[in-house]
Amino acid sequence: MPSGWSRPKWTLNGERQSGVKLLSTAEPMSATMNDELDDLEAEFEMLGDWEERYRHVIDLGRDLAPLSDTERSDQNKVRGCASQVWLVTETTDGTHLTFRGDSDAHIVRGLVALVLRLYSSRTAQDILAFDAQKAFDRLGLSGALSSQRSNGLRSMVERIRRDASAVRP
């Protein structure tokens, strides 16, 4: 991205960092999953070091709407995560899946928000065609997360893919 260029849709609690506004939401902002990945990658590049990137991931998690006690059920729990993670899957029109999620750990809650930005409000076909491992490699997450966090991230994606497979025509 050229020096001094700002993408106006990015906000981080209304504050500018490095002359760029960063998106602080779990809701997808782009038309396709690859466009959303491009946006996330640009955000991460603007932040520089991993300490800033971790803070941004945690900030993404702060914007997640909390799940109700009923939604924090065993049925919605994601298996394979060291922290507790819950994902609620809803089908909006028979083809698009919307996800809501939460975790009891701040960084994991941020990872949930990142995953939701990529996957929520997408068709089952798009979800199943998307290569999550390549996406996480592009973002640098594969090398920056502990093996437990990486396993948890994979478990979230596996759960989302399983839910997408169940509604795929």
N, C-alpha and C. Protein backbone atom coordinates (compact mmCIF):
# COMPACT_ATOMS: atom_id res chain seq x y z
N MET A 1 0.85 -1.17 0.00
CA MET A 1 0.00 0.00 0.00
C MET A 1 0.90 1.23 0.00
N PRO A 2 0.64 2.21 -0.84
CA PRO A 2 1.49 3.39 -0.92
C PRO A 2 1.52 4.16 0.39
N SER A 3 2.66 4.77 0.65
CA SER A 3 2.82 5.55 1.87
C SER A 3 1.78 6.66 1.94
N GLY A 4 1.18 6.80 3.11
CA GLY A 4 0.20 7.85 3.33
C GLY A 4 -1.20 7.54 2.85
N TRP A 5 -1.39 6.39 2.20
CA TRP A 5 -2.71 6.03 1.70
C TRP A 5 -3.53 5.46 2.82
N SER A 6 -4.76 5.86 2.93
CA SER A 6 -5.64 5.40 4.00
C SER A 6 -6.88 4.77 3.41
N ARG A 7 -7.29 3.65 3.98
CA ARG A 7 -8.54 3.01 3.57
C ARG A 7 -9.59 3.46 4.58
N PRO A 8 -10.51 4.30 4.18
CA PRO A 8 -11.41 4.95 5.13
C PRO A 8 -12.34 4.03 5.90
N LYS A 9 -12.59 2.80 5.45
CA LYS A 9 -13.53 1.97 6.20
C LYS A 9 -12.89 1.36 7.44
N TRP A 10 -11.60 1.50 7.62
CA TRP A 10 -10.91 0.89 8.76
C TRP A 10 -10.99 1.79 9.97
N THR A 11 -11.45 1.24 11.08
CA THR A 11 -11.47 2.00 12.32
C THR A 11 -11.01 1.12 13.47
N LEU A 12 -10.36 1.70 14.40
CA LEU A 12 -9.94 1.01 15.62
C LEU A 12 -10.35 1.92 16.76
N ASN A 13 -11.57 1.70 17.24
CA ASN A 13 -12.11 2.53 18.30
C ASN A 13 -12.03 4.01 17.96
N GLY A 14 -12.16 4.32 16.65
CA GLY A 14 -12.16 5.69 16.20
C GLY A 14 -10.80 6.36 16.18
N GLU A 15 -9.74 5.66 16.49
CA GLU A 15 -8.41 6.26 16.55
C GLU A 15 -7.59 5.84 15.34
N ARG A 16 -6.74 6.74 14.89
CA ARG A 16 -5.82 6.43 13.80
C ARG A 16 -4.54 5.85 14.38
N GLN A 17 -4.01 4.85 13.69
CA GLN A 17 -2.70 4.30 14.03
C GLN A 17 -1.90 4.27 12.75
N SER A 18 -0.69 4.80 12.77
CA SER A 18 0.20 4.83 11.60
C SER A 18 -0.49 5.49 10.40
N GLY A 19 -1.36 6.46 10.64
CA GLY A 19 -2.02 7.15 9.56
C GLY A 19 -3.11 6.35 8.88
N VAL A 20 -3.43 5.18 9.37
CA VAL A 20 -4.43 4.32 8.74
C VAL A 20 -5.48 3.96 9.77
N LYS A 21 -6.72 3.97 9.35
CA LYS A 21 -7.77 3.50 10.23
C LYS A 21 -7.89 2.00 10.06
N LEU A 22 -7.99 1.28 11.16
CA LEU A 22 -8.06 -0.18 11.12
C LEU A 22 -9.45 -0.64 11.49
N LEU A 23 -9.89 -1.69 10.82
CA LEU A 23 -11.21 -2.24 11.07
C LEU A 23 -11.23 -2.95 12.42
N SER A 24 -12.21 -2.67 13.21
CA SER A 24 -12.33 -3.32 14.51
C SER A 24 -13.73 -3.91 14.63
N THR A 25 -13.99 -4.92 13.84
CA THR A 25 -15.29 -5.58 13.88
C THR A 25 -15.13 -7.02 13.44
N ALA A 26 -16.03 -7.85 13.86
CA ALA A 26 -16.01 -9.25 13.44
C ALA A 26 -16.87 -9.46 12.20
N GLU A 27 -17.58 -8.44 11.79
CA GLU A 27 -18.47 -8.57 10.63
C GLU A 27 -17.68 -8.44 9.34
N PRO A 28 -17.96 -9.28 8.36
CA PRO A 28 -17.26 -9.15 7.08
C PRO A 28 -17.63 -7.83 6.41
N MET A 29 -16.63 -7.20 5.83
CA MET A 29 -16.83 -5.92 5.16
C MET A 29 -16.71 -6.06 3.65
N SER A 30 -16.15 -7.15 3.16
CA SER A 30 -15.86 -7.30 1.74
C SER A 30 -16.78 -8.33 1.10
N ALA A 31 -16.89 -8.20 -0.22
CA ALA A 31 -17.80 -9.04 -0.98
C ALA A 31 -17.40 -10.51 -0.98
N THR A 32 -16.11 -10.80 -1.02
CA THR A 32 -15.67 -12.19 -1.08
C THR A 32 -14.72 -12.49 0.07
N MET A 33 -14.52 -13.77 0.29
CA MET A 33 -13.60 -14.17 1.35
C MET A 33 -12.18 -13.74 1.01
N ASN A 34 -11.80 -13.83 -0.25
CA ASN A 34 -10.45 -13.41 -0.65
C ASN A 34 -10.27 -11.90 -0.49
N ASP A 35 -11.32 -11.12 -0.78
CA ASP A 35 -11.24 -9.67 -0.55
C ASP A 35 -11.09 -9.38 0.95
N GLU A 36 -11.82 -10.11 1.76
CA GLU A 36 -11.72 -9.93 3.22
C GLU A 36 -10.32 -10.29 3.70
N LEU A 37 -9.76 -11.36 3.15
CA LEU A 37 -8.40 -11.76 3.49
C LEU A 37 -7.42 -10.67 3.08
N ASP A 38 -7.60 -10.09 1.90
CA ASP A 38 -6.74 -8.99 1.45
C ASP A 38 -6.81 -7.83 2.44
N ASP A 39 -8.02 -7.50 2.91
CA ASP A 39 -8.19 -6.41 3.88
C ASP A 39 -7.48 -6.73 5.19
N LEU A 40 -7.64 -7.95 5.67
CA LEU A 40 -6.96 -8.34 6.92
C LEU A 40 -5.45 -8.30 6.75
N GLU A 41 -4.97 -8.77 5.63
CA GLU A 41 -3.53 -8.77 5.39
C GLU A 41 -3.00 -7.33 5.37
N ALA A 42 -3.71 -6.42 4.72
CA ALA A 42 -3.30 -5.02 4.68
C ALA A 42 -3.29 -4.42 6.09
N GLU A 43 -4.30 -4.75 6.90
CA GLU A 43 -4.33 -4.27 8.29
C GLU A 43 -3.11 -4.76 9.05
N PHE A 44 -2.81 -6.04 8.92
CA PHE A 44 -1.66 -6.61 9.64
C PHE A 44 -0.36 -5.98 9.18
N GLU A 45 -0.22 -5.73 7.88
CA GLU A 45 1.00 -5.11 7.36
C GLU A 45 1.19 -3.70 7.91
N MET A 46 0.10 -2.97 8.09
CA MET A 46 0.18 -1.61 8.62
C MET A 46 0.64 -1.59 10.08
N LEU A 47 0.42 -2.67 10.78
CA LEU A 47 0.74 -2.70 12.20
C LEU A 47 2.19 -3.01 12.50
N GLY A 48 2.89 -3.59 11.58
CA GLY A 48 4.32 -3.82 11.80
C GLY A 48 4.62 -5.05 12.62
N ASP A 49 4.86 -4.88 13.91
CA ASP A 49 5.32 -6.02 14.71
C ASP A 49 4.15 -6.81 15.31
N TRP A 50 4.50 -8.00 15.81
CA TRP A 50 3.46 -8.90 16.30
C TRP A 50 2.83 -8.43 17.59
N GLU A 51 3.50 -7.64 18.37
CA GLU A 51 2.87 -7.11 19.59
C GLU A 51 1.67 -6.24 19.21
N GLU A 52 1.85 -5.38 18.20
CA GLU A 52 0.74 -4.55 17.73
C GLU A 52 -0.35 -5.40 17.08
N ARG A 53 0.05 -6.43 16.35
CA ARG A 53 -0.93 -7.30 15.70
C ARG A 53 -1.75 -8.08 16.72
N TYR A 54 -1.10 -8.54 17.79
CA TYR A 54 -1.84 -9.23 18.86
C TYR A 54 -2.85 -8.28 19.49
N ARG A 55 -2.44 -7.04 19.73
CA ARG A 55 -3.37 -6.06 20.31
C ARG A 55 -4.56 -5.84 19.38
N HIS A 56 -4.30 -5.81 18.08
CA HIS A 56 -5.38 -5.62 17.12
C HIS A 56 -6.34 -6.81 17.13
N VAL A 57 -5.78 -8.01 17.19
CA VAL A 57 -6.62 -9.22 17.25
C VAL A 57 -7.48 -9.18 18.51
N ILE A 58 -6.89 -8.80 19.64
CA ILE A 58 -7.65 -8.70 20.89
C ILE A 58 -8.75 -7.64 20.74
N ASP A 59 -8.44 -6.51 20.09
CA ASP A 59 -9.45 -5.48 19.87
C ASP A 59 -10.59 -5.99 19.00
N LEU A 60 -10.29 -6.81 18.00
CA LEU A 60 -11.35 -7.40 17.18
C LEU A 60 -12.31 -8.20 18.06
N GLY A 61 -11.76 -8.93 19.00
CA GLY A 61 -12.57 -9.75 19.90
C GLY A 61 -13.45 -8.93 20.82
N ARG A 62 -13.02 -7.73 21.15
CA ARG A 62 -13.83 -6.88 22.04
C ARG A 62 -15.15 -6.47 21.40
N ASP A 63 -15.18 -6.48 20.07
CA ASP A 63 -16.40 -6.07 19.37
C ASP A 63 -17.41 -7.19 19.18
N LEU A 64 -17.05 -8.41 19.56
CA LEU A 64 -17.99 -9.51 19.43
C LEU A 64 -19.14 -9.34 20.42
N ALA A 65 -20.34 -9.55 19.95
CA ALA A 65 -21.49 -9.55 20.85
C ALA A 65 -21.41 -10.81 21.71
N PRO A 66 -21.62 -10.67 23.00
CA PRO A 66 -21.53 -11.87 23.86
C PRO A 66 -22.66 -12.84 23.55
N LEU A 67 -22.36 -14.12 23.73
CA LEU A 67 -23.38 -15.14 23.58
C LEU A 67 -24.16 -15.25 24.89
N SER A 68 -25.38 -15.68 24.77
CA SER A 68 -26.20 -15.89 25.97
C SER A 68 -25.71 -17.14 26.70
N ASP A 69 -26.12 -17.30 27.93
CA ASP A 69 -25.77 -18.50 28.69
C ASP A 69 -26.28 -19.76 27.98
N THR A 70 -27.45 -19.65 27.39
CA THR A 70 -28.02 -20.79 26.66
C THR A 70 -27.15 -21.15 25.45
N GLU A 71 -26.61 -20.14 24.78
CA GLU A 71 -25.78 -20.39 23.61
C GLU A 71 -24.39 -20.94 23.98
N ARG A 72 -23.98 -20.71 25.20
CA ARG A 72 -22.71 -21.26 25.68
C ARG A 72 -22.92 -22.71 26.14
N SER A 73 -23.49 -23.47 25.24
CA SER A 73 -23.85 -24.85 25.54
C SER A 73 -22.77 -25.81 25.06
N ASP A 74 -22.88 -27.03 25.53
CA ASP A 74 -21.95 -28.07 25.10
C ASP A 74 -22.08 -28.32 23.60
N GLN A 75 -23.28 -28.20 23.08
CA GLN A 75 -23.53 -28.40 21.65
C GLN A 75 -22.78 -27.37 20.81
N ASN A 76 -22.65 -26.15 21.29
CA ASN A 76 -21.97 -25.08 20.55
C ASN A 76 -20.47 -25.00 20.83
N LYS A 77 -20.00 -25.78 21.78
CA LYS A 77 -18.58 -25.75 22.14
C LYS A 77 -17.74 -26.35 21.02
N VAL A 78 -16.61 -25.71 20.75
CA VAL A 78 -15.67 -26.19 19.73
C VAL A 78 -14.67 -27.10 20.41
N ARG A 79 -14.62 -28.33 19.95
CA ARG A 79 -13.68 -29.31 20.50
C ARG A 79 -12.29 -29.07 19.92
N GLY A 80 -11.25 -29.30 20.71
CA GLY A 80 -9.88 -29.17 20.22
C GLY A 80 -9.24 -27.84 20.54
N CYS A 81 -9.94 -26.98 21.27
CA CYS A 81 -9.38 -25.69 21.67
C CYS A 81 -8.95 -25.78 23.13
N ALA A 82 -7.78 -25.23 23.45
CA ALA A 82 -7.30 -25.22 24.83
C ALA A 82 -8.20 -24.33 25.68
N SER A 83 -8.62 -23.19 25.14
CA SER A 83 -9.57 -22.30 25.81
C SER A 83 -10.97 -22.75 25.45
N GLN A 84 -11.93 -22.24 26.17
CA GLN A 84 -13.31 -22.55 25.83
C GLN A 84 -13.75 -21.65 24.68
N VAL A 85 -14.29 -22.27 23.63
CA VAL A 85 -14.77 -21.54 22.46
C VAL A 85 -16.14 -22.08 22.09
N TRP A 86 -17.05 -21.16 21.81
CA TRP A 86 -18.39 -21.53 21.37
C TRP A 86 -18.67 -20.87 20.03
N LEU A 87 -19.28 -21.62 19.13
CA LEU A 87 -19.71 -21.09 17.83
C LEU A 87 -21.18 -21.42 17.63
N VAL A 88 -21.95 -20.42 17.27
CA VAL A 88 -23.36 -20.58 16.94
C VAL A 88 -23.49 -20.40 15.44
N THR A 89 -24.10 -21.37 14.79
CA THR A 89 -24.26 -21.34 13.34
C THR A 89 -25.73 -21.14 13.01
N GLU A 90 -25.98 -20.19 12.13
CA GLU A 90 -27.35 -19.93 11.66
C GLU A 90 -27.33 -19.86 10.14
N THR A 91 -28.36 -20.38 9.51
CA THR A 91 -28.51 -20.29 8.07
C THR A 91 -29.52 -19.21 7.79
N THR A 92 -29.08 -18.18 7.07
CA THR A 92 -29.96 -17.02 6.87
C THR A 92 -30.99 -17.21 5.78
N ASP A 93 -30.60 -17.84 4.67
CA ASP A 93 -31.52 -17.98 3.55
C ASP A 93 -31.47 -19.37 2.92
N GLY A 94 -30.96 -20.30 3.68
CA GLY A 94 -30.82 -21.65 3.16
C GLY A 94 -29.49 -21.92 2.49
N THR A 95 -28.76 -20.86 2.14
CA THR A 95 -27.46 -21.05 1.49
C THR A 95 -26.32 -20.30 2.19
N HIS A 96 -26.63 -19.20 2.86
CA HIS A 96 -25.61 -18.41 3.55
C HIS A 96 -25.59 -18.78 5.04
N LEU A 97 -24.38 -18.96 5.55
CA LEU A 97 -24.22 -19.28 6.96
C LEU A 97 -23.70 -18.06 7.70
N THR A 98 -24.30 -17.79 8.84
CA THR A 98 -23.85 -16.71 9.71
C THR A 98 -23.37 -17.36 11.00
N PHE A 99 -22.22 -16.88 11.47
CA PHE A 99 -21.63 -17.43 12.68
C PHE A 99 -21.50 -16.35 13.74
N ARG A 100 -21.73 -16.75 14.96
CA ARG A 100 -21.46 -15.91 16.12
C ARG A 100 -20.61 -16.75 17.05
N GLY A 101 -19.73 -16.12 17.79
CA GLY A 101 -18.86 -16.90 18.64
C GLY A 101 -18.34 -16.12 19.83
N ASP A 102 -17.70 -16.86 20.73
CA ASP A 102 -17.15 -16.27 21.94
C ASP A 102 -16.11 -17.20 22.51
N SER A 103 -15.28 -16.67 23.39
CA SER A 103 -14.28 -17.47 24.09
C SER A 103 -14.05 -16.86 25.46
N ASP A 104 -13.48 -17.66 26.35
CA ASP A 104 -13.15 -17.16 27.68
C ASP A 104 -11.76 -16.55 27.74
N ALA A 105 -11.00 -16.56 26.64
CA ALA A 105 -9.65 -16.00 26.60
C ALA A 105 -9.62 -14.84 25.59
N HIS A 106 -9.00 -13.72 25.95
CA HIS A 106 -9.01 -12.52 25.11
C HIS A 106 -8.43 -12.75 23.72
N ILE A 107 -7.24 -13.34 23.64
CA ILE A 107 -6.61 -13.54 22.33
C ILE A 107 -7.43 -14.51 21.48
N VAL A 108 -7.98 -15.53 22.11
CA VAL A 108 -8.80 -16.50 21.36
C VAL A 108 -10.09 -15.85 20.90
N ARG A 109 -10.65 -14.99 21.72
CA ARG A 109 -11.86 -14.26 21.32
C ARG A 109 -11.56 -13.42 20.08
N GLY A 110 -10.36 -12.84 20.02
CA GLY A 110 -9.94 -12.10 18.84
C GLY A 110 -9.78 -13.00 17.62
N LEU A 111 -9.23 -14.20 17.85
CA LEU A 111 -9.10 -15.15 16.74
C LEU A 111 -10.48 -15.59 16.24
N VAL A 112 -11.42 -15.74 17.16
CA VAL A 112 -12.80 -16.05 16.77
C VAL A 112 -13.33 -14.93 15.87
N ALA A 113 -13.11 -13.68 16.27
CA ALA A 113 -13.57 -12.53 15.49
C ALA A 113 -12.93 -12.53 14.10
N LEU A 114 -11.66 -12.84 14.02
CA LEU A 114 -10.97 -12.90 12.74
C LEU A 114 -11.58 -13.98 11.84
N VAL A 115 -11.81 -15.14 12.41
CA VAL A 115 -12.42 -16.24 11.66
C VAL A 115 -13.83 -15.86 11.20
N LEU A 116 -14.58 -15.19 12.05
CA LEU A 116 -15.93 -14.78 11.68
C LEU A 116 -15.91 -13.77 10.54
N ARG A 117 -14.94 -12.88 10.54
CA ARG A 117 -14.83 -11.93 9.42
C ARG A 117 -14.63 -12.65 8.10
N LEU A 118 -13.87 -13.72 8.13
CA LEU A 118 -13.62 -14.47 6.90
C LEU A 118 -14.83 -15.31 6.49
N TYR A 119 -15.47 -15.97 7.44
CA TYR A 119 -16.44 -17.01 7.13
C TYR A 119 -17.91 -16.62 7.26
N SER A 120 -18.26 -15.68 8.11
CA SER A 120 -19.67 -15.40 8.36
C SER A 120 -20.32 -14.72 7.16
N SER A 121 -21.58 -15.03 6.94
CA SER A 121 -22.41 -14.49 5.85
C SER A 121 -21.93 -14.93 4.48
N ARG A 122 -21.35 -16.12 4.43
CA ARG A 122 -20.85 -16.68 3.16
C ARG A 122 -21.68 -17.92 2.81
N THR A 123 -21.62 -18.31 1.55
CA THR A 123 -22.33 -19.51 1.15
C THR A 123 -21.53 -20.74 1.59
N ALA A 124 -22.23 -21.84 1.73
CA ALA A 124 -21.55 -23.10 2.08
C ALA A 124 -20.50 -23.43 1.04
N GLN A 125 -20.81 -23.20 -0.22
CA GLN A 125 -19.87 -23.48 -1.30
C GLN A 125 -18.59 -22.66 -1.15
N ASP A 126 -18.72 -21.36 -0.85
CA ASP A 126 -17.55 -20.50 -0.67
C ASP A 126 -16.73 -20.94 0.54
N ILE A 127 -17.42 -21.29 1.62
CA ILE A 127 -16.73 -21.73 2.83
C ILE A 127 -15.90 -22.98 2.56
N LEU A 128 -16.50 -23.93 1.87
CA LEU A 128 -15.80 -25.20 1.61
C LEU A 128 -14.67 -25.05 0.61
N ALA A 129 -14.74 -24.05 -0.27
CA ALA A 129 -13.69 -23.84 -1.27
C ALA A 129 -12.51 -23.03 -0.73
N PHE A 130 -12.70 -22.34 0.40
CA PHE A 130 -11.67 -21.45 0.94
C PHE A 130 -10.58 -22.24 1.66
N ASP A 131 -9.32 -21.92 1.38
CA ASP A 131 -8.18 -22.61 1.99
C ASP A 131 -7.73 -21.82 3.22
N ALA A 132 -8.19 -22.23 4.38
CA ALA A 132 -7.89 -21.53 5.62
C ALA A 132 -6.40 -21.54 5.94
N GLN A 133 -5.74 -22.66 5.72
CA GLN A 133 -4.32 -22.74 6.06
C GLN A 133 -3.50 -21.72 5.25
N LYS A 134 -3.80 -21.60 3.97
CA LYS A 134 -3.11 -20.59 3.15
C LYS A 134 -3.43 -19.19 3.65
N ALA A 135 -4.66 -18.96 4.06
CA ALA A 135 -5.05 -17.66 4.58
C ALA A 135 -4.27 -17.33 5.85
N PHE A 136 -4.19 -18.29 6.77
CA PHE A 136 -3.47 -18.05 8.02
C PHE A 136 -1.98 -17.88 7.78
N ASP A 137 -1.45 -18.58 6.77
CA ASP A 137 -0.05 -18.40 6.39
C ASP A 137 0.17 -16.98 5.86
N ARG A 138 -0.75 -16.50 5.02
CA ARG A 138 -0.63 -15.14 4.48
C ARG A 138 -0.65 -14.09 5.58
N LEU A 139 -1.45 -14.33 6.60
CA LEU A 139 -1.54 -13.37 7.71
C LEU A 139 -0.38 -13.51 8.68
N GLY A 140 0.40 -14.57 8.54
CA GLY A 140 1.52 -14.79 9.44
C GLY A 140 1.12 -15.46 10.74
N LEU A 141 -0.12 -15.89 10.83
CA LEU A 141 -0.60 -16.50 12.07
C LEU A 141 0.04 -17.86 12.33
N SER A 142 0.31 -18.59 11.27
CA SER A 142 0.87 -19.94 11.43
C SER A 142 2.18 -19.92 12.19
N GLY A 143 3.01 -18.92 11.96
CA GLY A 143 4.29 -18.84 12.64
C GLY A 143 4.25 -18.07 13.95
N ALA A 144 3.18 -17.29 14.16
CA ALA A 144 3.11 -16.42 15.34
C ALA A 144 2.36 -17.04 16.51
N LEU A 145 1.52 -18.03 16.25
CA LEU A 145 0.71 -18.62 17.31
C LEU A 145 1.37 -19.86 17.88
N SER A 146 1.12 -20.13 19.14
CA SER A 146 1.60 -21.37 19.74
C SER A 146 0.89 -22.54 19.07
N SER A 147 1.43 -23.73 19.25
CA SER A 147 0.80 -24.90 18.63
C SER A 147 -0.61 -25.11 19.18
N GLN A 148 -0.83 -24.84 20.47
CA GLN A 148 -2.18 -24.99 21.03
C GLN A 148 -3.16 -24.02 20.38
N ARG A 149 -2.73 -22.75 20.20
CA ARG A 149 -3.61 -21.75 19.57
C ARG A 149 -3.86 -22.12 18.11
N SER A 150 -2.81 -22.59 17.41
CA SER A 150 -2.97 -23.01 16.01
C SER A 150 -3.94 -24.18 15.90
N ASN A 151 -3.84 -25.14 16.81
CA ASN A 151 -4.78 -26.27 16.82
C ASN A 151 -6.20 -25.79 17.06
N GLY A 152 -6.37 -24.84 17.97
CA GLY A 152 -7.69 -24.29 18.25
C GLY A 152 -8.27 -23.57 17.04
N LEU A 153 -7.42 -22.83 16.34
CA LEU A 153 -7.85 -22.14 15.14
C LEU A 153 -8.30 -23.14 14.07
N ARG A 154 -7.54 -24.21 13.90
CA ARG A 154 -7.92 -25.26 12.96
C ARG A 154 -9.24 -25.92 13.38
N SER A 155 -9.42 -26.11 14.68
CA SER A 155 -10.67 -26.72 15.16
C SER A 155 -11.87 -25.84 14.86
N MET A 156 -11.70 -24.51 14.99
CA MET A 156 -12.79 -23.60 14.66
C MET A 156 -13.16 -23.73 13.19
N VAL A 157 -12.15 -23.74 12.33
CA VAL A 157 -12.40 -23.83 10.89
C VAL A 157 -13.02 -25.19 10.54
N GLU A 158 -12.54 -26.26 11.16
CA GLU A 158 -13.13 -27.59 10.90
C GLU A 158 -14.60 -27.60 11.28
N ARG A 159 -14.94 -26.99 12.38
CA ARG A 159 -16.34 -26.91 12.81
C ARG A 159 -17.18 -26.13 11.80
N ILE A 160 -16.66 -25.00 11.34
CA ILE A 160 -17.37 -24.18 10.36
C ILE A 160 -17.55 -24.97 9.06
N ARG A 161 -16.52 -25.65 8.62
CA ARG A 161 -16.61 -26.46 7.40
C ARG A 161 -17.61 -27.60 7.56
N ARG A 162 -17.62 -28.21 8.73
CA ARG A 162 -18.60 -29.29 8.98
C ARG A 162 -20.03 -28.74 8.91
N ASP A 163 -20.24 -27.57 9.51
CA ASP A 163 -21.57 -26.97 9.45
C ASP A 163 -21.95 -26.58 8.02
N ALA A 164 -20.98 -26.11 7.25
CA ALA A 164 -21.23 -25.75 5.84
C ALA A 164 -21.55 -27.00 5.03
N SER A 165 -20.86 -28.09 5.31
CA SER A 165 -21.13 -29.34 4.60
C SER A 165 -22.55 -29.83 4.84
N ALA A 166 -23.07 -29.55 6.02
CA ALA A 166 -24.42 -30.01 6.36
C ALA A 166 -25.51 -29.26 5.60
N VAL A 167 -25.23 -28.04 5.12
CA VAL A 167 -26.25 -27.28 4.40
C VAL A 167 -25.97 -27.17 2.92
N ARG A 168 -24.85 -27.69 2.48
CA ARG A 168 -24.49 -27.60 1.07
C ARG A 168 -25.51 -28.40 0.24
N PRO A 169 -26.02 -27.75 -0.84
CA PRO A 169 -27.03 -28.42 -1.67
C PRO A 169 -26.46 -29.62 -2.42
